[in-house]
Amino acid sequence: MSNSYGMAEAGQAFCAMGKGESLERIGSVGKPMAPLEVRIVDEDGRDLPPGEVGEALLRLPGRHREYYRDPEATASTWNDGWLRTGDLACLDGDGYLYIVGRKKDVIIRGGNNVHAADIEAVLCEHPGVLEAAVVGIPHEVLGEDLAAVVVLAPGTPTTADQLREHCATRMADYKVPRSIKITDELPKNATGKVLKAQLRAQVSTAASPPVEPGIGPST
């Protein structure tokens, strides 16, 4: 088995791993296959050096695709022939691509950027966790706070406090979710992707919890 990468908007553009490369480049989705071009850019559209995380842009020769009867979405997605994927990624020195997460899944908690995928990965390391999803919810002081929704593995009576302790030993304080909800299943679409917008609506509350020492806004 090996990872690969592509998206409907990019058409035939994709990345692929050569035989044996998946063991040498753990976490990579492969190398862009010609004639695909890939750039990693910052918020201002400037190219980033290898190893630095930014948004992945894709380009193929010829006319790009368009969203059906949605010129506004098309204009916001393609710029000068480059497809804005919305994926956070980096390239290594040999041109192999690594996907870190989605831009919309970056949660700004008290001025600190938190990648939901990082927390989900740590939660899933716990033997009692089958699945986990993390979303940002409004907070009147921090701007956004972290909320985790977890599906436990059968026969494992794990508590939210145990999961917080697990996270605290592996991540900085500001990355530890204070809200952890245990549920029977995560909302998903037909392809198995977690519906985070729906999940966010379920866990968001009008009242923000108090700020705890050590995880308040950055100064």
C-alpha atoms as a PDB file:
ATOM      1  CA  MET A   1       0.000   0.000   0.000  1.00  0.00           C
ATOM      2  CA  SER A   2       1.092   3.586  -0.572  1.00  0.00           C
ATOM      3  CA  ASN A   3      -0.334   7.083  -0.453  1.00  0.00           C
ATOM      4  CA  SER A   4      -1.285   9.178  -3.458  1.00  0.00           C
ATOM      5  CA  TYR A   5      -2.943  12.560  -3.919  1.00  0.00           C
ATOM      6  CA  GLY A   6      -5.414  14.144  -6.295  1.00  0.00           C
ATOM      7  CA  MET A   7      -8.656  16.118  -6.393  1.00  0.00           C
ATOM      8  CA  ALA A   8     -11.600  16.474  -8.725  1.00  0.00           C
ATOM      9  CA  GLU A   9     -10.826  20.130  -9.469  1.00  0.00           C
ATOM     10  CA  ALA A  10      -7.349  19.181 -10.686  1.00  0.00           C
ATOM     11  CA  GLY A  11      -8.596  16.677 -13.243  1.00  0.00           C
ATOM     12  CA  GLN A  12      -5.866  14.244 -14.211  1.00  0.00           C
ATOM     13  CA  ALA A  13      -3.301  15.903 -11.947  1.00  0.00           C
ATOM     14  CA  PHE A  14      -2.013  13.667  -9.190  1.00  0.00           C
ATOM     15  CA  CYS A  15       1.005  12.654  -7.104  1.00  0.00           C
ATOM     16  CA  ALA A  16       2.244   9.082  -6.817  1.00  0.00           C
ATOM     17  CA  MET A  17       4.853   7.094  -4.917  1.00  0.00           C
ATOM     18  CA  GLY A  18       7.414   4.949  -6.659  1.00  0.00           C
ATOM     19  CA  LYS A  19       7.921   1.343  -5.614  1.00  0.00           C
ATOM     20  CA  GLY A  20       9.451   1.211  -2.122  1.00  0.00           C
ATOM     21  CA  GLU A  21       9.323   4.985  -1.634  1.00  0.00           C
ATOM     22  CA  SER A  22       6.459   4.806   0.879  1.00  0.00           C
ATOM     23  CA  LEU A  23       8.778   3.154   3.410  1.00  0.00           C
ATOM     24  CA  GLU A  24      11.536   5.706   2.905  1.00  0.00           C
ATOM     25  CA  ARG A  25       9.324   8.797   2.909  1.00  0.00           C
ATOM     26  CA  ILE A  26       6.807   8.137   5.666  1.00  0.00           C
ATOM     27  CA  GLY A  27       3.790  10.422   5.383  1.00  0.00           C
ATOM     28  CA  SER A  28       4.423  11.593   1.824  1.00  0.00           C
ATOM     29  CA  VAL A  29       1.661  11.388  -0.779  1.00  0.00           C
ATOM     30  CA  GLY A  30       4.223  11.111  -3.551  1.00  0.00           C
ATOM     31  CA  LYS A  31       5.890  13.175  -6.213  1.00  0.00           C
ATOM     32  CA  PRO A  32       3.922  15.322  -8.676  1.00  0.00           C
ATOM     33  CA  MET A  33       3.577  13.477 -11.967  1.00  0.00           C
ATOM     34  CA  ALA A  34       4.412  15.491 -15.107  1.00  0.00           C
ATOM     35  CA  PRO A  35       3.108  17.805 -16.382  1.00  0.00           C
ATOM     36  CA  LEU A  36       1.685  18.755 -12.956  1.00  0.00           C
ATOM     37  CA  GLU A  37       3.384  21.648 -11.150  1.00  0.00           C
ATOM     38  CA  VAL A  38       3.103  22.185  -7.388  1.00  0.00           C
ATOM     39  CA  ARG A  39       3.926  25.280  -5.352  1.00  0.00           C
ATOM     40  CA  ILE A  40       3.728  25.829  -1.595  1.00  0.00           C
ATOM     41  CA  VAL A  41       2.873  29.433  -0.726  1.00  0.00           C
ATOM     42  CA  ASP A  42       2.270  31.560   2.361  1.00  0.00           C
ATOM     43  CA  GLU A  43      -0.785  33.747   3.049  1.00  0.00           C
ATOM     44  CA  ASP A  44       0.599  36.437   0.729  1.00  0.00           C
ATOM     45  CA  GLY A  45       1.178  34.021  -2.148  1.00  0.00           C
ATOM     46  CA  ARG A  46       4.972  33.917  -1.740  1.00  0.00           C
ATOM     47  CA  ASP A  47       6.750  30.642  -2.438  1.00  0.00           C
ATOM     48  CA  LEU A  48       8.037  28.824   0.626  1.00  0.00           C
ATOM     49  CA  PRO A  49      11.277  26.816   0.813  1.00  0.00           C
ATOM     50  CA  PRO A  50      11.326  23.011   1.227  1.00  0.00           C
ATOM     51  CA  GLY A  51      10.107  21.861   4.623  1.00  0.00           C
ATOM     52  CA  GLU A  52       7.911  24.876   5.359  1.00  0.00           C
ATOM     53  CA  VAL A  53       4.146  24.454   5.523  1.00  0.00           C
ATOM     54  CA  GLY A  54       1.809  26.551   3.392  1.00  0.00           C
ATOM     55  CA  GLU A  55      -1.064  26.143   0.950  1.00  0.00           C
ATOM     56  CA  ALA A  56      -0.502  23.777  -1.974  1.00  0.00           C
ATOM     57  CA  LEU A  57      -1.177  25.239  -5.424  1.00  0.00           C
ATOM     58  CA  LEU A  58      -1.498  22.989  -8.490  1.00  0.00           C
ATOM     59  CA  ARG A  59      -1.215  23.783 -12.189  1.00  0.00           C
ATOM     60  CA  LEU A  60      -1.590  21.836 -15.425  1.00  0.00           C
ATOM     61  CA  PRO A  61      -1.121  23.064 -18.994  1.00  0.00           C
ATOM     62  CA  GLY A  62      -4.259  24.149 -20.780  1.00  0.00           C
ATOM     63  CA  ARG A  63      -7.556  25.534 -19.587  1.00  0.00           C
ATOM     64  CA  HIS A  64      -8.461  24.822 -15.972  1.00  0.00           C
ATOM     65  CA  ARG A  65     -11.725  23.279 -14.841  1.00  0.00           C
ATOM     66  CA  GLU A  66     -14.662  25.339 -13.587  1.00  0.00           C
ATOM     67  CA  TYR A  67     -17.466  24.873 -11.085  1.00  0.00           C
ATOM     68  CA  TYR A  68     -20.801  24.348 -12.813  1.00  0.00           C
ATOM     69  CA  ARG A  69     -22.732  27.635 -12.961  1.00  0.00           C
ATOM     70  CA  ASP A  70     -20.688  29.084 -10.106  1.00  0.00           C
ATOM     71  CA  PRO A  71     -18.288  31.720 -11.479  1.00  0.00           C
ATOM     72  CA  GLU A  72     -17.596  33.154  -8.019  1.00  0.00           C
ATOM     73  CA  ALA A  73     -16.358  29.815  -6.683  1.00  0.00           C
ATOM     74  CA  THR A  74     -14.307  29.333  -9.852  1.00  0.00           C
ATOM     75  CA  ALA A  75     -12.676  32.767  -9.507  1.00  0.00           C
ATOM     76  CA  SER A  76     -11.793  32.165  -5.859  1.00  0.00           C
ATOM     77  CA  THR A  77     -10.344  28.713  -6.544  1.00  0.00           C
ATOM     78  CA  TRP A  78      -8.200  29.377  -9.636  1.00  0.00           C
ATOM     79  CA  ASN A  79      -5.755  32.264  -9.879  1.00  0.00           C
ATOM     80  CA  ASP A  80      -3.586  32.769 -12.984  1.00  0.00           C
ATOM     81  CA  GLY A  81      -4.003  29.097 -13.817  1.00  0.00           C
ATOM     82  CA  TRP A  82      -3.073  27.895 -10.322  1.00  0.00           C
ATOM     83  CA  LEU A  83      -5.590  25.848  -8.353  1.00  0.00           C
ATOM     84  CA  ARG A  84      -5.837  26.850  -4.697  1.00  0.00           C
ATOM     85  CA  THR A  85      -6.335  23.467  -3.052  1.00  0.00           C
ATOM     86  CA  GLY A  86      -7.028  24.648   0.487  1.00  0.00           C
ATOM     87  CA  ASP A  87      -4.631  21.915   1.628  1.00  0.00           C
ATOM     88  CA  LEU A  88      -1.743  22.734   3.953  1.00  0.00           C
ATOM     89  CA  ALA A  89       1.352  20.924   2.793  1.00  0.00           C
ATOM     90  CA  CYS A  90       5.097  21.041   2.306  1.00  0.00           C
ATOM     91  CA  LEU A  91       7.605  19.738  -0.213  1.00  0.00           C
ATOM     92  CA  ASP A  92      10.859  18.085   0.771  1.00  0.00           C
ATOM     93  CA  GLY A  93      14.183  18.763  -0.930  1.00  0.00           C
ATOM     94  CA  ASP A  94      13.497  16.066  -3.527  1.00  0.00           C
ATOM     95  CA  GLY A  95      10.074  17.401  -4.476  1.00  0.00           C
ATOM     96  CA  TYR A  96       7.915  14.911  -2.563  1.00  0.00           C
ATOM     97  CA  LEU A  97       4.662  16.303  -1.214  1.00  0.00           C
ATOM     98  CA  TYR A  98       3.428  15.963   2.380  1.00  0.00           C
ATOM     99  CA  ILE A  99      -0.158  16.926   3.295  1.00  0.00           C
ATOM    100  CA  VAL A 100      -0.502  18.432   6.786  1.00  0.00           C
ATOM    101  CA  GLY A 101      -4.200  19.307   6.882  1.00  0.00           C
ATOM    102  CA  ARG A 102      -6.847  21.704   5.584  1.00  0.00           C
ATOM    103  CA  LYS A 103      -6.590  25.485   5.875  1.00  0.00           C
ATOM    104  CA  LYS A 104     -10.132  25.638   7.199  1.00  0.00           C
ATOM    105  CA  ASP A 105      -9.147  23.115   9.890  1.00  0.00           C
ATOM    106  CA  VAL A 106      -6.563  25.470  11.381  1.00  0.00           C
ATOM    107  CA  ILE A 107      -7.965  26.719  14.671  1.00  0.00           C
ATOM    108  CA  ILE A 108      -6.618  30.009  16.039  1.00  0.00           C
ATOM    109  CA  ARG A 109      -6.835  29.601  19.800  1.00  0.00           C
ATOM    110  CA  GLY A 110      -5.730  32.683  21.709  1.00  0.00           C
ATOM    111  CA  GLY A 111      -3.370  33.680  18.885  1.00  0.00           C
ATOM    112  CA  ASN A 112      -1.876  30.194  18.516  1.00  0.00           C
ATOM    113  CA  ASN A 113      -2.406  28.274  15.278  1.00  0.00           C
ATOM    114  CA  VAL A 114      -3.523  24.715  15.990  1.00  0.00           C
ATOM    115  CA  HIS A 115      -3.864  22.042  13.295  1.00  0.00           C
ATOM    116  CA  ALA A 116      -6.873  19.841  13.990  1.00  0.00           C
ATOM    117  CA  ALA A 117      -5.140  16.894  12.312  1.00  0.00           C
ATOM    118  CA  ASP A 118      -2.287  17.018  14.860  1.00  0.00           C
ATOM    119  CA  ILE A 119      -4.677  16.651  17.791  1.00  0.00           C
ATOM    120  CA  GLU A 120      -6.737  13.989  16.042  1.00  0.00           C
ATOM    121  CA  ALA A 121      -3.581  11.953  15.444  1.00  0.00           C
ATOM    122  CA  VAL A 122      -2.616  12.139  19.125  1.00  0.00           C
ATOM    123  CA  LEU A 123      -6.106  11.179  20.276  1.00  0.00           C
ATOM    124  CA  CYS A 124      -6.103   8.185  17.921  1.00  0.00           C
ATOM    125  CA  GLU A 125      -2.825   6.997  19.471  1.00  0.00           C
ATOM    126  CA  HIS A 126      -4.790   6.200  22.638  1.00  0.00           C
ATOM    127  CA  PRO A 127      -5.731   2.494  22.670  1.00  0.00           C
ATOM    128  CA  GLY A 128      -9.265   3.362  23.730  1.00  0.00           C
ATOM    129  CA  VAL A 129      -9.972   5.609  20.749  1.00  0.00           C
ATOM    130  CA  LEU A 130     -11.421   4.309  17.485  1.00  0.00           C
ATOM    131  CA  GLU A 131     -12.005   7.675  15.749  1.00  0.00           C
ATOM    132  CA  ALA A 132     -11.590  11.348  16.621  1.00  0.00           C
ATOM    133  CA  ALA A 133     -12.424  14.696  15.061  1.00  0.00           C
ATOM    134  CA  VAL A 134     -11.449  18.164  16.287  1.00  0.00           C
ATOM    135  CA  VAL A 135     -13.164  21.444  15.418  1.00  0.00           C
ATOM    136  CA  GLY A 136     -12.939  25.060  16.468  1.00  0.00           C
ATOM    137  CA  ILE A 137     -15.829  26.594  18.400  1.00  0.00           C
ATOM    138  CA  PRO A 138     -16.395  30.277  19.276  1.00  0.00           C
ATOM    139  CA  HIS A 139     -14.892  31.595  22.509  1.00  0.00           C
ATOM    140  CA  GLU A 140     -15.474  35.115  23.797  1.00  0.00           C
ATOM    141  CA  VAL A 141     -11.894  35.532  25.052  1.00  0.00           C
ATOM    142  CA  LEU A 142      -9.726  33.168  22.991  1.00  0.00           C
ATOM    143  CA  GLY A 143     -11.574  33.766  19.731  1.00  0.00           C
ATOM    144  CA  GLU A 144     -11.741  30.032  19.112  1.00  0.00           C
ATOM    145  CA  ASP A 145     -11.477  27.051  21.393  1.00  0.00           C
ATOM    146  CA  LEU A 146     -10.902  23.360  20.705  1.00  0.00           C
ATOM    147  CA  ALA A 147     -13.610  20.729  20.826  1.00  0.00           C
ATOM    148  CA  ALA A 148     -12.890  17.056  20.256  1.00  0.00           C
ATOM    149  CA  VAL A 149     -15.494  14.405  19.478  1.00  0.00           C
ATOM    150  CA  VAL A 150     -14.330  10.848  20.042  1.00  0.00           C
ATOM    151  CA  VAL A 151     -15.649   7.388  19.230  1.00  0.00           C
ATOM    152  CA  LEU A 152     -14.287   4.800  21.648  1.00  0.00           C
ATOM    153  CA  ALA A 153     -13.120   1.337  20.676  1.00  0.00           C
ATOM    154  CA  PRO A 154     -15.538  -1.400  21.817  1.00  0.00           C
ATOM    155  CA  GLY A 155     -15.039  -2.518  25.395  1.00  0.00           C
ATOM    156  CA  THR A 156     -12.766   0.374  26.425  1.00  0.00           C
ATOM    157  CA  PRO A 157     -14.341   2.514  29.184  1.00  0.00           C
ATOM    158  CA  THR A 158     -12.091   5.513  28.584  1.00  0.00           C
ATOM    159  CA  THR A 159     -13.094   8.894  30.041  1.00  0.00           C
ATOM    160  CA  ALA A 160     -12.666  12.423  28.701  1.00  0.00           C
ATOM    161  CA  ASP A 161     -10.306  13.232  31.579  1.00  0.00           C
ATOM    162  CA  GLN A 162      -8.074  10.298  30.645  1.00  0.00           C
ATOM    163  CA  LEU A 163      -7.951  11.519  27.062  1.00  0.00           C
ATOM    164  CA  ARG A 164      -7.014  15.042  28.178  1.00  0.00           C
ATOM    165  CA  GLU A 165      -4.203  13.607  30.311  1.00  0.00           C
ATOM    166  CA  HIS A 166      -3.039  11.564  27.320  1.00  0.00           C
ATOM    167  CA  CYS A 167      -2.924  14.699  25.144  1.00  0.00           C
ATOM    168  CA  ALA A 168      -1.173  16.744  27.847  1.00  0.00           C
ATOM    169  CA  THR A 169       1.798  14.353  27.855  1.00  0.00           C
ATOM    170  CA  ARG A 170       2.280  14.705  24.099  1.00  0.00           C
ATOM    171  CA  MET A 171       1.386  18.288  23.187  1.00  0.00           C
ATOM    172  CA  ALA A 172       1.739  21.872  24.353  1.00  0.00           C
ATOM    173  CA  ASP A 173      -0.958  23.101  26.756  1.00  0.00           C
ATOM    174  CA  TYR A 174      -2.685  25.281  24.157  1.00  0.00           C
ATOM    175  CA  LYS A 175      -3.263  22.230  21.944  1.00  0.00           C
ATOM    176  CA  VAL A 176      -5.036  20.160  24.592  1.00  0.00           C
ATOM    177  CA  PRO A 177      -8.816  20.219  23.994  1.00  0.00           C
ATOM    178  CA  ARG A 178     -10.783  21.106  27.099  1.00  0.00           C
ATOM    179  CA  SER A 179     -14.037  19.960  25.528  1.00  0.00           C
ATOM    180  CA  ILE A 180     -14.014  16.244  24.715  1.00  0.00           C
ATOM    181  CA  LYS A 181     -17.335  14.625  23.855  1.00  0.00           C
ATOM    182  CA  ILE A 182     -17.653  10.873  23.587  1.00  0.00           C
ATOM    183  CA  THR A 183     -20.181   9.701  21.006  1.00  0.00           C
ATOM    184  CA  ASP A 184     -21.286   6.553  19.209  1.00  0.00           C
ATOM    185  CA  GLU A 185     -20.403   7.773  15.707  1.00  0.00           C
ATOM    186  CA  LEU A 186     -19.117  10.773  13.754  1.00  0.00           C
ATOM    187  CA  PRO A 187     -21.308  12.375  11.074  1.00  0.00           C
ATOM    188  CA  LYS A 188     -19.945  11.415   7.639  1.00  0.00           C
ATOM    189  CA  ASN A 189     -20.850  11.781   3.984  1.00  0.00           C
ATOM    190  CA  ALA A 190     -21.268   8.950   1.495  1.00  0.00           C
ATOM    191  CA  THR A 191     -17.499   8.695   0.944  1.00  0.00           C
ATOM    192  CA  GLY A 192     -16.714   8.418   4.654  1.00  0.00           C
ATOM    193  CA  LYS A 193     -15.437  11.974   5.132  1.00  0.00           C
ATOM    194  CA  VAL A 194     -16.280  13.521   8.501  1.00  0.00           C
ATOM    195  CA  LEU A 195     -18.755  16.397   8.137  1.00  0.00           C
ATOM    196  CA  LYS A 196     -16.988  18.942  10.291  1.00  0.00           C
ATOM    197  CA  ALA A 197     -19.471  21.741   9.652  1.00  0.00           C
ATOM    198  CA  GLN A 198     -22.226  19.541  11.040  1.00  0.00           C
ATOM    199  CA  LEU A 199     -20.015  18.442  13.910  1.00  0.00           C
ATOM    200  CA  ARG A 200     -19.140  22.053  14.746  1.00  0.00           C
ATOM    201  CA  ALA A 201     -22.809  22.978  14.905  1.00  0.00           C
ATOM    202  CA  GLN A 202     -23.441  20.102  17.302  1.00  0.00           C
ATOM    203  CA  VAL A 203     -20.689  20.972  19.778  1.00  0.00           C
ATOM    204  CA  SER A 204     -20.768  24.789  19.615  1.00  0.00           C
ATOM    205  CA  THR A 205     -22.371  26.515  22.585  1.00  0.00           C
ATOM    206  CA  ALA A 206     -23.420  30.097  23.084  1.00  0.00           C
ATOM    207  CA  ALA A 207     -21.527  30.431  26.341  1.00  0.00           C
ATOM    208  CA  SER A 208     -17.733  30.197  26.367  1.00  0.00           C
ATOM    209  CA  PRO A 209     -16.014  28.284  29.174  1.00  0.00           C
ATOM    210  CA  PRO A 210     -13.714  30.279  31.448  1.00  0.00           C
ATOM    211  CA  VAL A 211     -10.084  30.705  30.483  1.00  0.00           C
ATOM    212  CA  GLU A 212      -7.814  28.341  32.369  1.00  0.00           C
ATOM    213  CA  PRO A 213      -4.264  29.227  33.444  1.00  0.00           C
ATOM    214  CA  GLY A 214      -1.638  28.508  30.821  1.00  0.00           C
ATOM    215  CA  ILE A 215      -3.898  28.446  27.786  1.00  0.00           C
ATOM    216  CA  GLY A 216      -5.111  32.010  27.508  1.00  0.00           C
ATOM    217  CA  PRO A 217      -4.424  34.462  24.685  1.00  0.00           C
ATOM    218  CA  SER A 218      -0.797  34.979  23.673  1.00  0.00           C
ATOM    219  CA  THR A 219       0.804  38.219  24.838  1.00  0.00           C
END
